[in-house]
Amino acid sequence: MKYIITIGREYGSGGRFIGKLVAEKLGIPFYDNELITEACKDSGLSPAILETFDEKTDGFFSAAGMYSYDMSLSQKVFLAQFEAIKKIASLGSAVIVGRCADYVLKDEPNLCSIFICAPMDQKIERAVEHYGLKKEKAENAIIKKDKKRKGYYNFYTDKDWGKASNYDMCINSKLGVDNCVNLIVQYVKERFGNE
């Protein structure tokens, strides 16, 4: 049975690491930055433009205007990623991180949407260790990054980013990465059965 796992995450929560490990344990493809490469294939947009405008907004958006020639670059990037996410989901099971994938695939029958959060002290620790942020500037950077993610998600969807009722499962990664991975894998296997 095909299923798609989408992971929304706070910056520094470990959501990307958790998603990657879930994909490995389930033996299915993992997509995060790989979506940029996938989106480049069919969109005609350069990788530099896709990276620059990844998960960013820059103006008014409407679904009706999404296919018009007067779209902003961020809207073109969103549309390219939207198409890439749909294409990836059509190919088989996968884990997809960020980029409103839960919203893009909301009509997918076997969708499992997950949100990962963490306490600020742990997000700071992870941001310093894994992303090279200076400890004294990490909290401010995390707050700004999450504000942008929330703005992007709320801009392109009709949902609230991080609101528990919008997801199948919300996990605080203070439980530990391995425990989070095991919870997700167990939930997916129970819901969709072992393949």
C-alpha atoms as a PDB file:
ATOM      1  CA  MET A   1       0.000   0.000   0.000  1.00  0.00           C
ATOM      2  CA  LYS A   2       1.275   3.439  -0.947  1.00  0.00           C
ATOM      3  CA  TYR A   3       1.372   6.129   1.751  1.00  0.00           C
ATOM      4  CA  ILE A   4       2.877   9.582   2.082  1.00  0.00           C
ATOM      5  CA  ILE A   5       4.296  10.996   5.309  1.00  0.00           C
ATOM      6  CA  THR A   6       4.620  14.774   5.463  1.00  0.00           C
ATOM      7  CA  ILE A   7       6.615  16.481   8.177  1.00  0.00           C
ATOM      8  CA  GLY A   8       6.182  20.082   9.239  1.00  0.00           C
ATOM      9  CA  ARG A   9       8.761  21.237  11.757  1.00  0.00           C
ATOM     10  CA  GLU A  10       9.998  24.048  13.891  1.00  0.00           C
ATOM     11  CA  TYR A  11      13.523  25.179  13.070  1.00  0.00           C
ATOM     12  CA  GLY A  12      16.009  23.241  15.178  1.00  0.00           C
ATOM     13  CA  SER A  13      13.435  20.644  16.276  1.00  0.00           C
ATOM     14  CA  GLY A  14      15.186  17.850  14.412  1.00  0.00           C
ATOM     15  CA  GLY A  15      12.257  17.333  12.038  1.00  0.00           C
ATOM     16  CA  ARG A  16      14.503  16.837   9.020  1.00  0.00           C
ATOM     17  CA  PHE A  17      16.673  14.250  10.826  1.00  0.00           C
ATOM     18  CA  ILE A  18      13.585  12.475  12.123  1.00  0.00           C
ATOM     19  CA  GLY A  19      12.022  12.385   8.651  1.00  0.00           C
ATOM     20  CA  LYS A  20      15.195  11.002   7.104  1.00  0.00           C
ATOM     21  CA  LEU A  21      15.444   8.238   9.710  1.00  0.00           C
ATOM     22  CA  VAL A  22      11.746   7.379   9.330  1.00  0.00           C
ATOM     23  CA  ALA A  23      12.253   7.010   5.575  1.00  0.00           C
ATOM     24  CA  GLU A  24      15.294   4.792   6.133  1.00  0.00           C
ATOM     25  CA  LYS A  25      13.438   2.562   8.623  1.00  0.00           C
ATOM     26  CA  LEU A  26      10.466   2.201   6.291  1.00  0.00           C
ATOM     27  CA  GLY A  27      12.652   1.809   3.194  1.00  0.00           C
ATOM     28  CA  ILE A  28      10.978   4.648   1.283  1.00  0.00           C
ATOM     29  CA  PRO A  29      12.357   7.776  -0.459  1.00  0.00           C
ATOM     30  CA  PHE A  30      13.018  10.970   1.517  1.00  0.00           C
ATOM     31  CA  TYR A  31      12.550  14.474   0.095  1.00  0.00           C
ATOM     32  CA  ASP A  32      13.538  17.811   1.570  1.00  0.00           C
ATOM     33  CA  ASN A  33      16.056  19.864  -0.378  1.00  0.00           C
ATOM     34  CA  GLU A  34      15.696  17.167  -3.029  1.00  0.00           C
ATOM     35  CA  LEU A  35      12.354  18.801  -3.866  1.00  0.00           C
ATOM     36  CA  ILE A  36      14.283  21.771  -5.236  1.00  0.00           C
ATOM     37  CA  THR A  37      16.129  19.497  -7.666  1.00  0.00           C
ATOM     38  CA  GLU A  38      12.886  17.757  -8.612  1.00  0.00           C
ATOM     39  CA  ALA A  39      11.109  21.079  -9.123  1.00  0.00           C
ATOM     40  CA  CYS A  40      13.931  22.298 -11.404  1.00  0.00           C
ATOM     41  CA  LYS A  41      13.414  19.423 -13.830  1.00  0.00           C
ATOM     42  CA  ASP A  42      10.057  20.553 -15.177  1.00  0.00           C
ATOM     43  CA  SER A  43       9.715  24.192 -14.145  1.00  0.00           C
ATOM     44  CA  GLY A  44      12.458  25.842 -16.165  1.00  0.00           C
ATOM     45  CA  LEU A  45      13.520  27.737 -13.028  1.00  0.00           C
ATOM     46  CA  SER A  46      17.181  27.630 -12.086  1.00  0.00           C
ATOM     47  CA  PRO A  47      18.294  25.888  -8.877  1.00  0.00           C
ATOM     48  CA  ALA A  48      19.557  29.265  -7.577  1.00  0.00           C
ATOM     49  CA  ILE A  49      16.109  30.857  -7.933  1.00  0.00           C
ATOM     50  CA  LEU A  50      14.401  27.859  -6.347  1.00  0.00           C
ATOM     51  CA  GLU A  51      16.796  27.938  -3.377  1.00  0.00           C
ATOM     52  CA  THR A  52      16.506  31.724  -2.956  1.00  0.00           C
ATOM     53  CA  PHE A  53      12.708  31.682  -2.879  1.00  0.00           C
ATOM     54  CA  ASP A  54      12.249  28.320  -1.129  1.00  0.00           C
ATOM     55  CA  GLU A  55       9.506  28.602   1.541  1.00  0.00           C
ATOM     56  CA  LYS A  56       9.201  32.380   1.088  1.00  0.00           C
ATOM     57  CA  THR A  57       6.343  34.688   0.188  1.00  0.00           C
ATOM     58  CA  ASP A  58       6.532  38.040  -1.517  1.00  0.00           C
ATOM     59  CA  GLY A  59       3.066  39.310  -2.180  1.00  0.00           C
ATOM     60  CA  PHE A  60      -0.579  38.683  -2.943  1.00  0.00           C
ATOM     61  CA  PHE A  61      -1.498  35.173  -3.975  1.00  0.00           C
ATOM     62  CA  SER A  62      -4.632  33.585  -5.258  1.00  0.00           C
ATOM     63  CA  ALA A  63      -5.203  30.140  -6.673  1.00  0.00           C
ATOM     64  CA  ALA A  64      -6.838  31.708  -9.722  1.00  0.00           C
ATOM     65  CA  GLY A  65      -3.743  33.756 -10.471  1.00  0.00           C
ATOM     66  CA  MET A  66      -1.333  30.896  -9.841  1.00  0.00           C
ATOM     67  CA  TYR A  67      -1.038  29.998 -13.504  1.00  0.00           C
ATOM     68  CA  SER A  68      -0.868  33.521 -14.896  1.00  0.00           C
ATOM     69  CA  TYR A  69       2.218  35.232 -16.297  1.00  0.00           C
ATOM     70  CA  ASP A  70       2.291  37.942 -13.632  1.00  0.00           C
ATOM     71  CA  MET A  71       3.186  35.598 -10.779  1.00  0.00           C
ATOM     72  CA  SER A  72       5.965  36.633  -8.454  1.00  0.00           C
ATOM     73  CA  LEU A  73       9.091  34.471  -8.278  1.00  0.00           C
ATOM     74  CA  SER A  74       8.078  33.015  -4.909  1.00  0.00           C
ATOM     75  CA  GLN A  75       4.696  32.041  -6.381  1.00  0.00           C
ATOM     76  CA  LYS A  76       6.437  30.387  -9.345  1.00  0.00           C
ATOM     77  CA  VAL A  77       8.688  28.501  -6.926  1.00  0.00           C
ATOM     78  CA  PHE A  78       5.662  27.423  -4.858  1.00  0.00           C
ATOM     79  CA  LEU A  79       3.912  26.194  -8.003  1.00  0.00           C
ATOM     80  CA  ALA A  80       7.038  24.306  -9.156  1.00  0.00           C
ATOM     81  CA  GLN A  81       7.333  22.643  -5.749  1.00  0.00           C
ATOM     82  CA  PHE A  82       3.571  21.975  -5.690  1.00  0.00           C
ATOM     83  CA  GLU A  83       3.878  20.106  -9.003  1.00  0.00           C
ATOM     84  CA  ALA A  84       7.014  18.260  -7.818  1.00  0.00           C
ATOM     85  CA  ILE A  85       5.256  17.145  -4.601  1.00  0.00           C
ATOM     86  CA  LYS A  86       2.258  15.875  -6.587  1.00  0.00           C
ATOM     87  CA  LYS A  87       4.582  14.001  -8.949  1.00  0.00           C
ATOM     88  CA  ILE A  88       6.563  12.444  -6.086  1.00  0.00           C
ATOM     89  CA  ALA A  89       3.336  11.332  -4.376  1.00  0.00           C
ATOM     90  CA  SER A  90       2.127   9.695  -7.590  1.00  0.00           C
ATOM     91  CA  LEU A  91       5.257   7.525  -7.768  1.00  0.00           C
ATOM     92  CA  GLY A  92       4.833   5.702  -4.452  1.00  0.00           C
ATOM     93  CA  SER A  93       5.420   5.961  -0.723  1.00  0.00           C
ATOM     94  CA  ALA A  94       7.668   8.779   0.492  1.00  0.00           C
ATOM     95  CA  VAL A  95       8.548  11.103   3.361  1.00  0.00           C
ATOM     96  CA  ILE A  96       8.318  14.791   2.394  1.00  0.00           C
ATOM     97  CA  VAL A  97       9.560  17.565   4.680  1.00  0.00           C
ATOM     98  CA  GLY A  98       8.059  21.060   4.678  1.00  0.00           C
ATOM     99  CA  ARG A  99       6.875  23.114   1.711  1.00  0.00           C
ATOM    100  CA  CYS A 100       3.173  22.806   2.604  1.00  0.00           C
ATOM    101  CA  ALA A 101       3.243  19.157   1.459  1.00  0.00           C
ATOM    102  CA  ASP A 102       0.450  18.208   3.870  1.00  0.00           C
ATOM    103  CA  TYR A 103      -1.751  20.857   2.257  1.00  0.00           C
ATOM    104  CA  VAL A 104      -0.684  20.049  -1.313  1.00  0.00           C
ATOM    105  CA  LEU A 105      -1.550  16.381  -0.705  1.00  0.00           C
ATOM    106  CA  LYS A 106      -4.637  16.933   1.465  1.00  0.00           C
ATOM    107  CA  ASP A 107      -6.770  14.824  -0.917  1.00  0.00           C
ATOM    108  CA  GLU A 108      -4.288  11.932  -0.888  1.00  0.00           C
ATOM    109  CA  PRO A 109      -6.158   8.997   0.740  1.00  0.00           C
ATOM    110  CA  ASN A 110      -3.117   7.601   2.573  1.00  0.00           C
ATOM    111  CA  LEU A 111      -1.579  10.784   3.916  1.00  0.00           C
ATOM    112  CA  CYS A 112       0.015  10.925   7.347  1.00  0.00           C
ATOM    113  CA  SER A 113       0.799  14.503   8.380  1.00  0.00           C
ATOM    114  CA  ILE A 114       3.174  15.074  11.279  1.00  0.00           C
ATOM    115  CA  PHE A 115       4.438  18.183  13.036  1.00  0.00           C
ATOM    116  CA  ILE A 116       7.655  18.227  15.086  1.00  0.00           C
ATOM    117  CA  CYS A 117       8.285  20.834  17.784  1.00  0.00           C
ATOM    118  CA  ALA A 118      10.857  21.177  20.569  1.00  0.00           C
ATOM    119  CA  PRO A 119      11.658  23.339  23.597  1.00  0.00           C
ATOM    120  CA  MET A 120      13.675  26.455  22.743  1.00  0.00           C
ATOM    121  CA  ASP A 121      16.775  25.345  24.678  1.00  0.00           C
ATOM    122  CA  GLN A 122      16.959  22.139  22.651  1.00  0.00           C
ATOM    123  CA  LYS A 123      16.355  23.999  19.385  1.00  0.00           C
ATOM    124  CA  ILE A 124      19.199  26.372  20.271  1.00  0.00           C
ATOM    125  CA  GLU A 125      21.501  23.457  21.067  1.00  0.00           C
ATOM    126  CA  ARG A 126      20.680  21.743  17.765  1.00  0.00           C
ATOM    127  CA  ALA A 127      20.974  24.963  15.743  1.00  0.00           C
ATOM    128  CA  VAL A 128      24.432  25.631  17.209  1.00  0.00           C
ATOM    129  CA  GLU A 129      25.619  22.042  16.743  1.00  0.00           C
ATOM    130  CA  HIS A 130      24.128  21.228  13.335  1.00  0.00           C
ATOM    131  CA  TYR A 131      23.638  24.579  11.610  1.00  0.00           C
ATOM    132  CA  GLY A 132      26.631  26.487  12.932  1.00  0.00           C
ATOM    133  CA  LEU A 133      24.684  29.328  14.552  1.00  0.00           C
ATOM    134  CA  LYS A 134      26.369  31.311  17.318  1.00  0.00           C
ATOM    135  CA  LYS A 135      24.729  30.497  20.649  1.00  0.00           C
ATOM    136  CA  GLU A 136      24.019  34.129  21.548  1.00  0.00           C
ATOM    137  CA  LYS A 137      22.214  34.700  18.218  1.00  0.00           C
ATOM    138  CA  ALA A 138      20.532  31.314  17.871  1.00  0.00           C
ATOM    139  CA  GLU A 139      17.245  32.061  19.674  1.00  0.00           C
ATOM    140  CA  ASN A 140      16.566  35.168  17.608  1.00  0.00           C
ATOM    141  CA  ALA A 141      17.423  33.300  14.382  1.00  0.00           C
ATOM    142  CA  ILE A 142      15.099  30.421  15.343  1.00  0.00           C
ATOM    143  CA  ILE A 143      12.217  32.789  16.114  1.00  0.00           C
ATOM    144  CA  LYS A 144      12.692  34.555  12.753  1.00  0.00           C
ATOM    145  CA  LYS A 145      12.951  31.297  10.804  1.00  0.00           C
ATOM    146  CA  ASP A 146       9.797  29.899  12.425  1.00  0.00           C
ATOM    147  CA  LYS A 147       7.967  33.172  11.789  1.00  0.00           C
ATOM    148  CA  LYS A 148       8.868  32.870   8.087  1.00  0.00           C
ATOM    149  CA  ARG A 149       7.785  29.226   7.981  1.00  0.00           C
ATOM    150  CA  LYS A 150       4.495  30.099   9.646  1.00  0.00           C
ATOM    151  CA  GLY A 151       3.957  33.019   7.279  1.00  0.00           C
ATOM    152  CA  TYR A 152       4.710  30.861   4.239  1.00  0.00           C
ATOM    153  CA  TYR A 153       2.421  28.047   5.370  1.00  0.00           C
ATOM    154  CA  ASN A 154      -0.446  30.325   6.388  1.00  0.00           C
ATOM    155  CA  PHE A 155      -0.047  32.345   3.154  1.00  0.00           C
ATOM    156  CA  TYR A 156      -0.411  29.366   0.811  1.00  0.00           C
ATOM    157  CA  THR A 157      -2.865  27.218   2.786  1.00  0.00           C
ATOM    158  CA  ASP A 158      -6.117  27.629   4.678  1.00  0.00           C
ATOM    159  CA  LYS A 159      -4.579  26.186   7.861  1.00  0.00           C
ATOM    160  CA  ASP A 160      -2.495  27.383  10.808  1.00  0.00           C
ATOM    161  CA  TRP A 161       1.109  26.157  10.858  1.00  0.00           C
ATOM    162  CA  GLY A 162       1.877  24.080  13.932  1.00  0.00           C
ATOM    163  CA  LYS A 163      -1.712  23.891  15.182  1.00  0.00           C
ATOM    164  CA  ALA A 164      -2.151  20.358  16.534  1.00  0.00           C
ATOM    165  CA  SER A 165      -5.644  19.815  15.094  1.00  0.00           C
ATOM    166  CA  ASN A 166      -4.251  20.255  11.561  1.00  0.00           C
ATOM    167  CA  TYR A 167      -2.015  17.171  11.788  1.00  0.00           C
ATOM    168  CA  ASP A 168      -2.412  13.446  12.389  1.00  0.00           C
ATOM    169  CA  MET A 169       0.381  13.523  14.949  1.00  0.00           C
ATOM    170  CA  CYS A 170       2.345  16.228  16.768  1.00  0.00           C
ATOM    171  CA  ILE A 171       5.522  15.217  18.563  1.00  0.00           C
ATOM    172  CA  ASN A 172       7.822  17.140  20.856  1.00  0.00           C
ATOM    173  CA  SER A 173      11.334  15.997  19.986  1.00  0.00           C
ATOM    174  CA  LYS A 174      12.425  16.408  23.606  1.00  0.00           C
ATOM    175  CA  LEU A 175      11.448  12.717  23.647  1.00  0.00           C
ATOM    176  CA  GLY A 176      14.646  12.088  21.690  1.00  0.00           C
ATOM    177  CA  VAL A 177      15.119  11.591  17.964  1.00  0.00           C
ATOM    178  CA  ASP A 178      15.081   7.780  18.144  1.00  0.00           C
ATOM    179  CA  ASN A 179      11.883   7.728  20.215  1.00  0.00           C
ATOM    180  CA  CYS A 180      10.207  10.127  17.766  1.00  0.00           C
ATOM    181  CA  VAL A 181      11.262   7.960  14.833  1.00  0.00           C
ATOM    182  CA  ASN A 182       9.969   4.815  16.527  1.00  0.00           C
ATOM    183  CA  LEU A 183       6.622   6.462  17.376  1.00  0.00           C
ATOM    184  CA  ILE A 184       6.107   7.566  13.771  1.00  0.00           C
ATOM    185  CA  VAL A 185       7.145   4.213  12.301  1.00  0.00           C
ATOM    186  CA  GLN A 186       4.871   2.337  14.731  1.00  0.00           C
ATOM    187  CA  TYR A 187       1.940   4.648  13.922  1.00  0.00           C
ATOM    188  CA  VAL A 188       2.470   4.297  10.154  1.00  0.00           C
ATOM    189  CA  LYS A 189       2.760   0.493  10.342  1.00  0.00           C
ATOM    190  CA  GLU A 190      -0.384   0.222  12.468  1.00  0.00           C
ATOM    191  CA  ARG A 191      -2.326   2.598  10.242  1.00  0.00           C
ATOM    192  CA  PHE A 192      -1.225   1.325   6.841  1.00  0.00           C
ATOM    193  CA  GLY A 193      -0.045  -2.204   7.691  1.00  0.00           C
ATOM    194  CA  ASN A 194       3.360  -3.750   7.180  1.00  0.00           C
ATOM    195  CA  GLU A 195       4.417  -3.951   3.559  1.00  0.00           C
END
